[in-house]
Amino acid sequence: MEKAKVAASQPVSVELDEGREYWWCACGRSQTQPFCDGSHQGTGINPLGFKADKSGEAWLCMCKQTKTPPYCDGSHASLEE
């Protein structure tokens, strides 16, 4: 299995709709970050499907190191430059 790529060093703000299913990119290769576009094929890393528990702004992880995927937990702060 390949290692996830850091898509960005900061989280991204997105608007989610309550009850809607989303697919968060876990591999870091998607061109439609933070959501999956199928670029994970062959990496052994699968996207994370999740349903939004409420509508509104959410901060999704872009460094792919979060312990609370798909949401940012501040892990990007410990990335080496």
PDB file of N, CA and C in Angstrom:
ATOM      1  N   MET A   1       0.840  -1.191   0.000  1.00  0.00           N
ATOM      2  CA  MET A   1       0.000   0.000   0.000  1.00  0.00           C
ATOM      3  C   MET A   1       0.879   1.246   0.000  1.00  0.00           C
ATOM      4  N   GLU A   2       0.529   2.193  -0.840  1.00  0.00           N
ATOM      5  CA  GLU A   2       1.259   3.443  -0.910  1.00  0.00           C
ATOM      6  C   GLU A   2       0.900   4.340   0.274  1.00  0.00           C
ATOM      7  N   LYS A   3       1.716   5.347   0.485  1.00  0.00           N
ATOM      8  CA  LYS A   3       1.473   6.319   1.550  1.00  0.00           C
ATOM      9  C   LYS A   3       0.632   7.474   0.978  1.00  0.00           C
ATOM     10  N   ALA A   4      -0.254   8.014   1.801  1.00  0.00           N
ATOM     11  CA  ALA A   4      -1.075   9.148   1.372  1.00  0.00           C
ATOM     12  C   ALA A   4      -0.198  10.366   1.121  1.00  0.00           C
ATOM     13  N   LYS A   5      -0.524  11.119   0.081  1.00  0.00           N
ATOM     14  CA  LYS A   5       0.183  12.359  -0.231  1.00  0.00           C
ATOM     15  C   LYS A   5      -0.498  13.507   0.500  1.00  0.00           C
ATOM     16  N   VAL A   6       0.292  14.480   0.906  1.00  0.00           N
ATOM     17  CA  VAL A   6      -0.258  15.688   1.516  1.00  0.00           C
ATOM     18  C   VAL A   6      -0.797  16.553   0.384  1.00  0.00           C
ATOM     19  N   ALA A   7      -2.095  16.743   0.355  1.00  0.00           N
ATOM     20  CA  ALA A   7      -2.715  17.552  -0.706  1.00  0.00           C
ATOM     21  C   ALA A   7      -2.519  19.040  -0.442  1.00  0.00           C
ATOM     22  N   ALA A   8      -2.495  19.431   0.830  1.00  0.00           N
ATOM     23  CA  ALA A   8      -2.268  20.816   1.239  1.00  0.00           C
ATOM     24  C   ALA A   8      -1.910  20.817   2.717  1.00  0.00           C
ATOM     25  N   SER A   9      -1.251  21.882   3.158  1.00  0.00           N
ATOM     26  CA  SER A   9      -0.804  21.934   4.551  1.00  0.00           C
ATOM     27  C   SER A   9      -1.816  22.604   5.474  1.00  0.00           C
ATOM     28  N   GLN A  10      -2.980  22.971   4.938  1.00  0.00           N
ATOM     29  CA  GLN A  10      -4.043  23.582   5.731  1.00  0.00           C
ATOM     30  C   GLN A  10      -5.366  22.896   5.383  1.00  0.00           C
ATOM     31  N   PRO A  11      -6.307  22.852   6.319  1.00  0.00           N
ATOM     32  CA  PRO A  11      -7.619  22.269   6.009  1.00  0.00           C
ATOM     33  C   PRO A  11      -8.379  23.180   5.040  1.00  0.00           C
ATOM     34  N   VAL A  12      -9.462  22.653   4.486  1.00  0.00           N
ATOM     35  CA  VAL A  12     -10.287  23.433   3.569  1.00  0.00           C
ATOM     36  C   VAL A  12     -11.705  23.521   4.127  1.00  0.00           C
ATOM     37  N   SER A  13     -12.283  24.693   3.990  1.00  0.00           N
ATOM     38  CA  SER A  13     -13.663  24.914   4.414  1.00  0.00           C
ATOM     39  C   SER A  13     -14.601  24.511   3.283  1.00  0.00           C
ATOM     40  N   VAL A  14     -15.587  23.672   3.612  1.00  0.00           N
ATOM     41  CA  VAL A  14     -16.588  23.247   2.631  1.00  0.00           C
ATOM     42  C   VAL A  14     -17.974  23.388   3.246  1.00  0.00           C
ATOM     43  N   GLU A  15     -18.967  23.535   2.401  1.00  0.00           N
ATOM     44  CA  GLU A  15     -20.363  23.564   2.833  1.00  0.00           C
ATOM     45  C   GLU A  15     -20.942  22.175   2.623  1.00  0.00           C
ATOM     46  N   LEU A  16     -21.436  21.574   3.689  1.00  0.00           N
ATOM     47  CA  LEU A  16     -22.031  20.247   3.615  1.00  0.00           C
ATOM     48  C   LEU A  16     -23.541  20.341   3.812  1.00  0.00           C
ATOM     49  N   ASP A  17     -24.252  19.384   3.233  1.00  0.00           N
ATOM     50  CA  ASP A  17     -25.710  19.300   3.375  1.00  0.00           C
ATOM     51  C   ASP A  17     -26.043  18.121   4.276  1.00  0.00           C
ATOM     52  N   GLU A  18     -26.819  18.373   5.320  1.00  0.00           N
ATOM     53  CA  GLU A  18     -27.215  17.328   6.265  1.00  0.00           C
ATOM     54  C   GLU A  18     -27.798  16.117   5.550  1.00  0.00           C
ATOM     55  N   GLY A  19     -27.296  14.924   5.913  1.00  0.00           N
ATOM     56  CA  GLY A  19     -27.803  13.678   5.372  1.00  0.00           C
ATOM     57  C   GLY A  19     -27.212  13.272   4.031  1.00  0.00           C
ATOM     58  N   ARG A  20     -26.525  14.187   3.351  1.00  0.00           N
ATOM     59  CA  ARG A  20     -25.923  13.866   2.055  1.00  0.00           C
ATOM     60  C   ARG A  20     -24.646  13.051   2.262  1.00  0.00           C
ATOM     61  N   GLU A  21     -24.428  12.075   1.374  1.00  0.00           N
ATOM     62  CA  GLU A  21     -23.219  11.261   1.450  1.00  0.00           C
ATOM     63  C   GLU A  21     -22.110  11.895   0.611  1.00  0.00           C
ATOM     64  N   TYR A  22     -20.915  11.926   1.187  1.00  0.00           N
ATOM     65  CA  TYR A  22     -19.736  12.469   0.524  1.00  0.00           C
ATOM     66  C   TYR A  22     -18.634  11.415   0.559  1.00  0.00           C
ATOM     67  N   TRP A  23     -17.685  11.540  -0.363  1.00  0.00           N
ATOM     68  CA  TRP A  23     -16.521  10.651  -0.394  1.00  0.00           C
ATOM     69  C   TRP A  23     -15.275  11.509  -0.282  1.00  0.00           C
ATOM     70  N   TRP A  24     -14.636  11.435   0.907  1.00  0.00           N
ATOM     71  CA  TRP A  24     -13.426  12.209   1.206  1.00  0.00           C
ATOM     72  C   TRP A  24     -12.207  11.479   0.653  1.00  0.00           C
ATOM     73  N   CYS A  25     -11.358  12.208  -0.047  1.00  0.00           N
ATOM     74  CA  CYS A  25     -10.120  11.651  -0.590  1.00  0.00           C
ATOM     75  C   CYS A  25      -9.145  11.378   0.553  1.00  0.00           C
ATOM     76  N   ALA A  26      -8.753  10.123   0.708  1.00  0.00           N
ATOM     77  CA  ALA A  26      -7.792   9.748   1.748  1.00  0.00           C
ATOM     78  C   ALA A  26      -6.379   9.576   1.202  1.00  0.00           C
ATOM     79  N   CYS A  27      -6.244   9.496  -0.123  1.00  0.00           N
ATOM     80  CA  CYS A  27      -4.927   9.234  -0.716  1.00  0.00           C
ATOM     81  C   CYS A  27      -4.152  10.510  -1.020  1.00  0.00           C
ATOM     82  N   GLY A  28      -4.848  11.639  -1.159  1.00  0.00           N
ATOM     83  CA  GLY A  28      -4.192  12.908  -1.461  1.00  0.00           C
ATOM     84  C   GLY A  28      -3.947  13.145  -2.938  1.00  0.00           C
ATOM     85  N   ARG A  29      -4.384  12.237  -3.798  1.00  0.00           N
ATOM     86  CA  ARG A  29      -4.100  12.338  -5.233  1.00  0.00           C
ATOM     87  C   ARG A  29      -5.237  12.951  -6.061  1.00  0.00           C
ATOM     88  N   SER A  30      -6.411  13.075  -5.496  1.00  0.00           N
ATOM     89  CA  SER A  30      -7.578  13.574  -6.219  1.00  0.00           C
ATOM     90  C   SER A  30      -7.365  15.005  -6.718  1.00  0.00           C
ATOM     91  N   GLN A  31      -7.849  15.267  -7.921  1.00  0.00           N
ATOM     92  CA  GLN A  31      -7.809  16.625  -8.479  1.00  0.00           C
ATOM     93  C   GLN A  31      -9.019  17.440  -8.018  1.00  0.00           C
ATOM     94  N   THR A  32      -9.955  16.791  -7.310  1.00  0.00           N
ATOM     95  CA  THR A  32     -11.159  17.473  -6.827  1.00  0.00           C
ATOM     96  C   THR A  32     -11.151  17.517  -5.298  1.00  0.00           C
ATOM     97  N   GLN A  33      -9.997  17.801  -4.709  1.00  0.00           N
ATOM     98  CA  GLN A  33      -9.846  17.849  -3.251  1.00  0.00           C
ATOM     99  C   GLN A  33     -10.892  18.745  -2.623  1.00  0.00           C
ATOM    100  N   PRO A  34     -11.413  18.390  -1.469  1.00  0.00           N
ATOM    101  CA  PRO A  34     -11.033  17.267  -0.622  1.00  0.00           C
ATOM    102  C   PRO A  34     -11.809  15.994  -0.937  1.00  0.00           C
ATOM    103  N   PHE A  35     -12.508  15.984  -2.084  1.00  0.00           N
ATOM    104  CA  PHE A  35     -13.351  14.844  -2.411  1.00  0.00           C
ATOM    105  C   PHE A  35     -12.687  13.931  -3.440  1.00  0.00           C
ATOM    106  N   CYS A  36     -13.100  12.670  -3.445  1.00  0.00           N
ATOM    107  CA  CYS A  36     -12.523  11.639  -4.289  1.00  0.00           C
ATOM    108  C   CYS A  36     -12.902  11.808  -5.757  1.00  0.00           C
ATOM    109  N   ASP A  37     -11.936  11.575  -6.640  1.00  0.00           N
ATOM    110  CA  ASP A  37     -12.204  11.538  -8.079  1.00  0.00           C
ATOM    111  C   ASP A  37     -11.767  10.210  -8.701  1.00  0.00           C
ATOM    112  N   GLY A  38     -11.430   9.232  -7.839  1.00  0.00           N
ATOM    113  CA  GLY A  38     -11.026   7.921  -8.329  1.00  0.00           C
ATOM    114  C   GLY A  38      -9.526   7.751  -8.504  1.00  0.00           C
ATOM    115  N   SER A  39      -8.740   8.782  -8.200  1.00  0.00           N
ATOM    116  CA  SER A  39      -7.290   8.721  -8.384  1.00  0.00           C
ATOM    117  C   SER A  39      -6.595   7.715  -7.473  1.00  0.00           C
ATOM    118  N   HIS A  40      -7.308   7.197  -6.487  1.00  0.00           N
ATOM    119  CA  HIS A  40      -6.720   6.237  -5.541  1.00  0.00           C
ATOM    120  C   HIS A  40      -6.539   4.852  -6.156  1.00  0.00           C
ATOM    121  N   GLN A  41      -7.120   4.598  -7.318  1.00  0.00           N
ATOM    122  CA  GLN A  41      -7.058   3.272  -7.939  1.00  0.00           C
ATOM    123  C   GLN A  41      -5.622   2.768  -7.982  1.00  0.00           C
ATOM    124  N   GLY A  42      -5.398   1.582  -7.425  1.00  0.00           N
ATOM    125  CA  GLY A  42      -4.083   0.964  -7.435  1.00  0.00           C
ATOM    126  C   GLY A  42      -3.172   1.349  -6.287  1.00  0.00           C
ATOM    127  N   THR A  43      -3.623   2.251  -5.406  1.00  0.00           N
ATOM    128  CA  THR A  43      -2.771   2.698  -4.300  1.00  0.00           C
ATOM    129  C   THR A  43      -2.959   1.859  -3.047  1.00  0.00           C
ATOM    130  N   GLY A  44      -4.109   1.158  -2.947  1.00  0.00           N
ATOM    131  CA  GLY A  44      -4.428   0.437  -1.720  1.00  0.00           C
ATOM    132  C   GLY A  44      -5.049   1.336  -0.667  1.00  0.00           C
ATOM    133  N   ILE A  45      -5.280   2.603  -1.016  1.00  0.00           N
ATOM    134  CA  ILE A  45      -5.913   3.562  -0.114  1.00  0.00           C
ATOM    135  C   ILE A  45      -7.300   3.851  -0.656  1.00  0.00           C
ATOM    136  N   ASN A  46      -8.308   3.679   0.173  1.00  0.00           N
ATOM    137  CA  ASN A  46      -9.681   3.903  -0.259  1.00  0.00           C
ATOM    138  C   ASN A  46     -10.242   5.200   0.308  1.00  0.00           C
ATOM    139  N   PRO A  47     -11.137   5.857  -0.439  1.00  0.00           N
ATOM    140  CA  PRO A  47     -11.775   7.070   0.070  1.00  0.00           C
ATOM    141  C   PRO A  47     -12.681   6.732   1.249  1.00  0.00           C
ATOM    142  N   LEU A  48     -12.999   7.726   2.029  1.00  0.00           N
ATOM    143  CA  LEU A  48     -13.869   7.552   3.185  1.00  0.00           C
ATOM    144  C   LEU A  48     -15.245   8.119   2.869  1.00  0.00           C
ATOM    145  N   GLY A  49     -16.246   7.263   2.883  1.00  0.00           N
ATOM    146  CA  GLY A  49     -17.613   7.717   2.698  1.00  0.00           C
ATOM    147  C   GLY A  49     -18.173   8.182   4.034  1.00  0.00           C
ATOM    148  N   PHE A  50     -18.854   9.324   4.031  1.00  0.00           N
ATOM    149  CA  PHE A  50     -19.462   9.828   5.263  1.00  0.00           C
ATOM    150  C   PHE A  50     -20.704  10.635   4.934  1.00  0.00           C
ATOM    151  N   LYS A  51     -21.627  10.678   5.891  1.00  0.00           N
ATOM    152  CA  LYS A  51     -22.824  11.504   5.767  1.00  0.00           C
ATOM    153  C   LYS A  51     -22.695  12.684   6.722  1.00  0.00           C
ATOM    154  N   ALA A  52     -23.016  13.854   6.225  1.00  0.00           N
ATOM    155  CA  ALA A  52     -22.958  15.058   7.054  1.00  0.00           C
ATOM    156  C   ALA A  52     -24.062  15.007   8.111  1.00  0.00           C
ATOM    157  N   ASP A  53     -23.698  15.212   9.387  1.00  0.00           N
ATOM    158  CA  ASP A  53     -24.707  15.184  10.450  1.00  0.00           C
ATOM    159  C   ASP A  53     -25.455  16.502  10.558  1.00  0.00           C
ATOM    160  N   LYS A  54     -24.926  17.556   9.911  1.00  0.00           N
ATOM    161  CA  LYS A  54     -25.631  18.832   9.897  1.00  0.00           C
ATOM    162  C   LYS A  54     -25.200  19.627   8.669  1.00  0.00           C
ATOM    163  N   SER A  55     -26.033  20.542   8.267  1.00  0.00           N
ATOM    164  CA  SER A  55     -25.702  21.405   7.135  1.00  0.00           C
ATOM    165  C   SER A  55     -24.849  22.563   7.620  1.00  0.00           C
ATOM    166  N   GLY A  56     -23.961  23.029   6.744  1.00  0.00           N
ATOM    167  CA  GLY A  56     -23.143  24.190   7.071  1.00  0.00           C
ATOM    168  C   GLY A  56     -21.669  23.936   6.819  1.00  0.00           C
ATOM    169  N   GLU A  57     -20.876  24.848   7.340  1.00  0.00           N
ATOM    170  CA  GLU A  57     -19.436  24.813   7.138  1.00  0.00           C
ATOM    171  C   GLU A  57     -18.780  23.680   7.919  1.00  0.00           C
ATOM    172  N   ALA A  58     -17.825  23.024   7.276  1.00  0.00           N
ATOM    173  CA  ALA A  58     -17.008  22.005   7.932  1.00  0.00           C
ATOM    174  C   ALA A  58     -15.582  22.159   7.417  1.00  0.00           C
ATOM    175  N   TRP A  59     -14.622  21.880   8.284  1.00  0.00           N
ATOM    176  CA  TRP A  59     -13.215  21.959   7.899  1.00  0.00           C
ATOM    177  C   TRP A  59     -12.703  20.548   7.672  1.00  0.00           C
ATOM    178  N   LEU A  60     -12.404  20.228   6.412  1.00  0.00           N
ATOM    179  CA  LEU A  60     -11.944  18.896   6.064  1.00  0.00           C
ATOM    180  C   LEU A  60     -10.430  18.869   5.922  1.00  0.00           C
ATOM    181  N   CYS A  61      -9.860  17.760   6.363  1.00  0.00           N
ATOM    182  CA  CYS A  61      -8.413  17.572   6.346  1.00  0.00           C
ATOM    183  C   CYS A  61      -7.880  17.501   4.924  1.00  0.00           C
ATOM    184  N   MET A  62      -6.787  18.193   4.686  1.00  0.00           N
ATOM    185  CA  MET A  62      -6.111  18.143   3.390  1.00  0.00           C
ATOM    186  C   MET A  62      -4.719  17.516   3.498  1.00  0.00           C
ATOM    187  N   CYS A  63      -4.190  17.418   4.736  1.00  0.00           N
ATOM    188  CA  CYS A  63      -2.858  16.824   4.898  1.00  0.00           C
ATOM    189  C   CYS A  63      -2.925  15.304   4.951  1.00  0.00           C
ATOM    190  N   LYS A  64      -4.123  14.776   5.144  1.00  0.00           N
ATOM    191  CA  LYS A  64      -4.401  13.331   5.166  1.00  0.00           C
ATOM    192  C   LYS A  64      -3.777  12.626   6.367  1.00  0.00           C
ATOM    193  N   GLN A  65      -3.413  13.372   7.401  1.00  0.00           N
ATOM    194  CA  GLN A  65      -2.811  12.810   8.610  1.00  0.00           C
ATOM    195  C   GLN A  65      -3.755  12.839   9.809  1.00  0.00           C
ATOM    196  N   THR A  66      -4.949  13.386   9.651  1.00  0.00           N
ATOM    197  CA  THR A  66      -5.897  13.533  10.753  1.00  0.00           C
ATOM    198  C   THR A  66      -6.239  12.196  11.417  1.00  0.00           C
ATOM    199  N   LYS A  67      -6.478  12.247  12.709  1.00  0.00           N
ATOM    200  CA  LYS A  67      -6.931  11.057  13.450  1.00  0.00           C
ATOM    201  C   LYS A  67      -8.459  11.015  13.496  1.00  0.00           C
ATOM    202  N   THR A  68      -9.113  12.054  12.954  1.00  0.00           N
ATOM    203  CA  THR A  68     -10.573  12.149  12.954  1.00  0.00           C
ATOM    204  C   THR A  68     -11.097  12.385  11.529  1.00  0.00           C
ATOM    205  N   PRO A  69     -10.731  11.512  10.578  1.00  0.00           N
ATOM    206  CA  PRO A  69     -11.144  11.748   9.196  1.00  0.00           C
ATOM    207  C   PRO A  69     -12.661  11.751   9.045  1.00  0.00           C
ATOM    208  N   PRO A  70     -13.171  12.598   8.202  1.00  0.00           N
ATOM    209  CA  PRO A  70     -12.498  13.468   7.249  1.00  0.00           C
ATOM    210  C   PRO A  70     -12.181  14.853   7.810  1.00  0.00           C
ATOM    211  N   TYR A  71     -12.486  15.056   9.084  1.00  0.00           N
ATOM    212  CA  TYR A  71     -12.366  16.387   9.676  1.00  0.00           C
ATOM    213  C   TYR A  71     -10.950  16.683  10.168  1.00  0.00           C
ATOM    214  N   CYS A  72     -10.561  17.929  10.058  1.00  0.00           N
ATOM    215  CA  CYS A  72      -9.248  18.380  10.512  1.00  0.00           C
ATOM    216  C   CYS A  72      -9.150  18.268  12.034  1.00  0.00           C
ATOM    217  N   ASP A  73      -8.034  17.730  12.516  1.00  0.00           N
ATOM    218  CA  ASP A  73      -7.790  17.678  13.966  1.00  0.00           C
ATOM    219  C   ASP A  73      -6.532  18.462  14.342  1.00  0.00           C
ATOM    220  N   GLY A  74      -5.989  19.226  13.399  1.00  0.00           N
ATOM    221  CA  GLY A  74      -4.794  20.024  13.672  1.00  0.00           C
ATOM    222  C   GLY A  74      -3.493  19.300  13.371  1.00  0.00           C
ATOM    223  N   SER A  75      -3.560  18.087  12.844  1.00  0.00           N
ATOM    224  CA  SER A  75      -2.345  17.324  12.545  1.00  0.00           C
ATOM    225  C   SER A  75      -1.406  18.058  11.582  1.00  0.00           C
ATOM    226  N   HIS A  76      -1.948  18.929  10.734  1.00  0.00           N
ATOM    227  CA  HIS A  76      -1.111  19.654   9.778  1.00  0.00           C
ATOM    228  C   HIS A  76      -0.079  20.529  10.474  1.00  0.00           C
ATOM    229  N   ALA A  77      -0.339  20.905  11.720  1.00  0.00           N
ATOM    230  CA  ALA A  77       0.594  21.747  12.463  1.00  0.00           C
ATOM    231  C   ALA A  77       1.916  21.040  12.750  1.00  0.00           C
ATOM    232  N   SER A  78       1.906  19.701  12.725  1.00  0.00           N
ATOM    233  CA  SER A  78       3.134  18.955  13.026  1.00  0.00           C
ATOM    234  C   SER A  78       3.829  18.447  11.764  1.00  0.00           C
ATOM    235  N   LEU A  79       3.372  18.857  10.588  1.00  0.00           N
ATOM    236  CA  LEU A  79       4.027  18.442   9.347  1.00  0.00           C
ATOM    237  C   LEU A  79       5.377  19.128   9.211  1.00  0.00           C
ATOM    238  N   GLU A  80       6.342  18.395   8.682  1.00  0.00           N
ATOM    239  CA  GLU A  80       7.641  18.992   8.432  1.00  0.00           C
ATOM    240  C   GLU A  80       7.553  19.797   7.148  1.00  0.00           C
ATOM    241  N   GLU A  81       8.157  20.946   7.164  1.00  0.00           N
ATOM    242  CA  GLU A  81       8.136  21.832   5.982  1.00  0.00           C
ATOM    243  C   GLU A  81       8.966  21.266   4.873  1.00  0.00           C
TER     244      GLU A  81
END
